[in-house]
Amino acid sequence: MLIEITAAAGPAEALVVRPSTGAGPFPGVILYMDAFGLRPRIEEMAQRVADWGYVVLAPNVFYRDGTAAELAPKVDMTTPEGRNAAGKAAFPRVGHLTTDKALPDIDAWVKALTALDGVAPGPIGTFGYCMGARLAVRTATSHPEVVAACGGFHGGGLATDGADSPHLGLSSATAQFVFGHADHDQSMDSDAVARLGAALDAAGLKASNEIFAGAPHGYTMADTSMFHAEATERHFTELRALLDGTLKG
């Protein structure tokens, strides 16, 4: 179901997905979408995680640019040509969501998740894909008092030379982290992976920071030409272990 959240710049839609069975309450987690937005693939992934025993909130982080329906891809992305065509509209929105906009929105997403009916009191988790991985890290670093688990998969720009690079805030985090990087990813090359790993170590955080061999950027997205089934299943396995180990202990 879609709900409306009062975010920093106005009303924003968010997908709420609950377990198919069980009475709850359940731990809450925030899923940050990739650049292509809220769509059936994101709902499928959210439902799979929810059925592990979680309430999942997936916000339309691009609400300033339009509704989820307005921003959803209008082409078949299972071909490289289709994905590239969808990207011409989607990728500029990533640049529009600057840190100064993202952080107050994150406050709204956390507040909304913890206020949902059926969400258990206590720590929450967060995870994201592509640019959503950056948002997941920023959630963990800006809300260390509540975020106990953070996952990032085929994330880009997690450890840059920028003054607001997500990795620079890790010293304030208390969460456990799992990163599954795409192989030979221009948006997160091996040097950046090493820089992220060094920051995790310096912060004394429990973390996994691995490159998934042979997996392209966007490997979890089954509705695109970048889908890699083996890497996707590995990501689900590692994500479940992270969430269960931190939120159900």
Foldseek 3Di string as FASTA:
>chain_A
DWDWFQFPVGIWIKDKEAAPDDDALFAEEEEEEALQADDPLVVVVQHVVRNLGYIYIYIRLLPVVHHRVVRHQPFQAQDVVSVVVSCVSRVVSLVVCDPVRLLRRLVRSVVVRVPDPSHDPAAHEYEYAACGLLSQLSNQLVCQVHYAEYEYEQYFQQADPDPVRSLVSLLRGAHEYEYEHEAPAPRQHPVNLVRSVVSCVVSVHHYHRDYDPPQHRVQLRPSHNRHDVVSNVVRVVVVSCRCCVGPVD
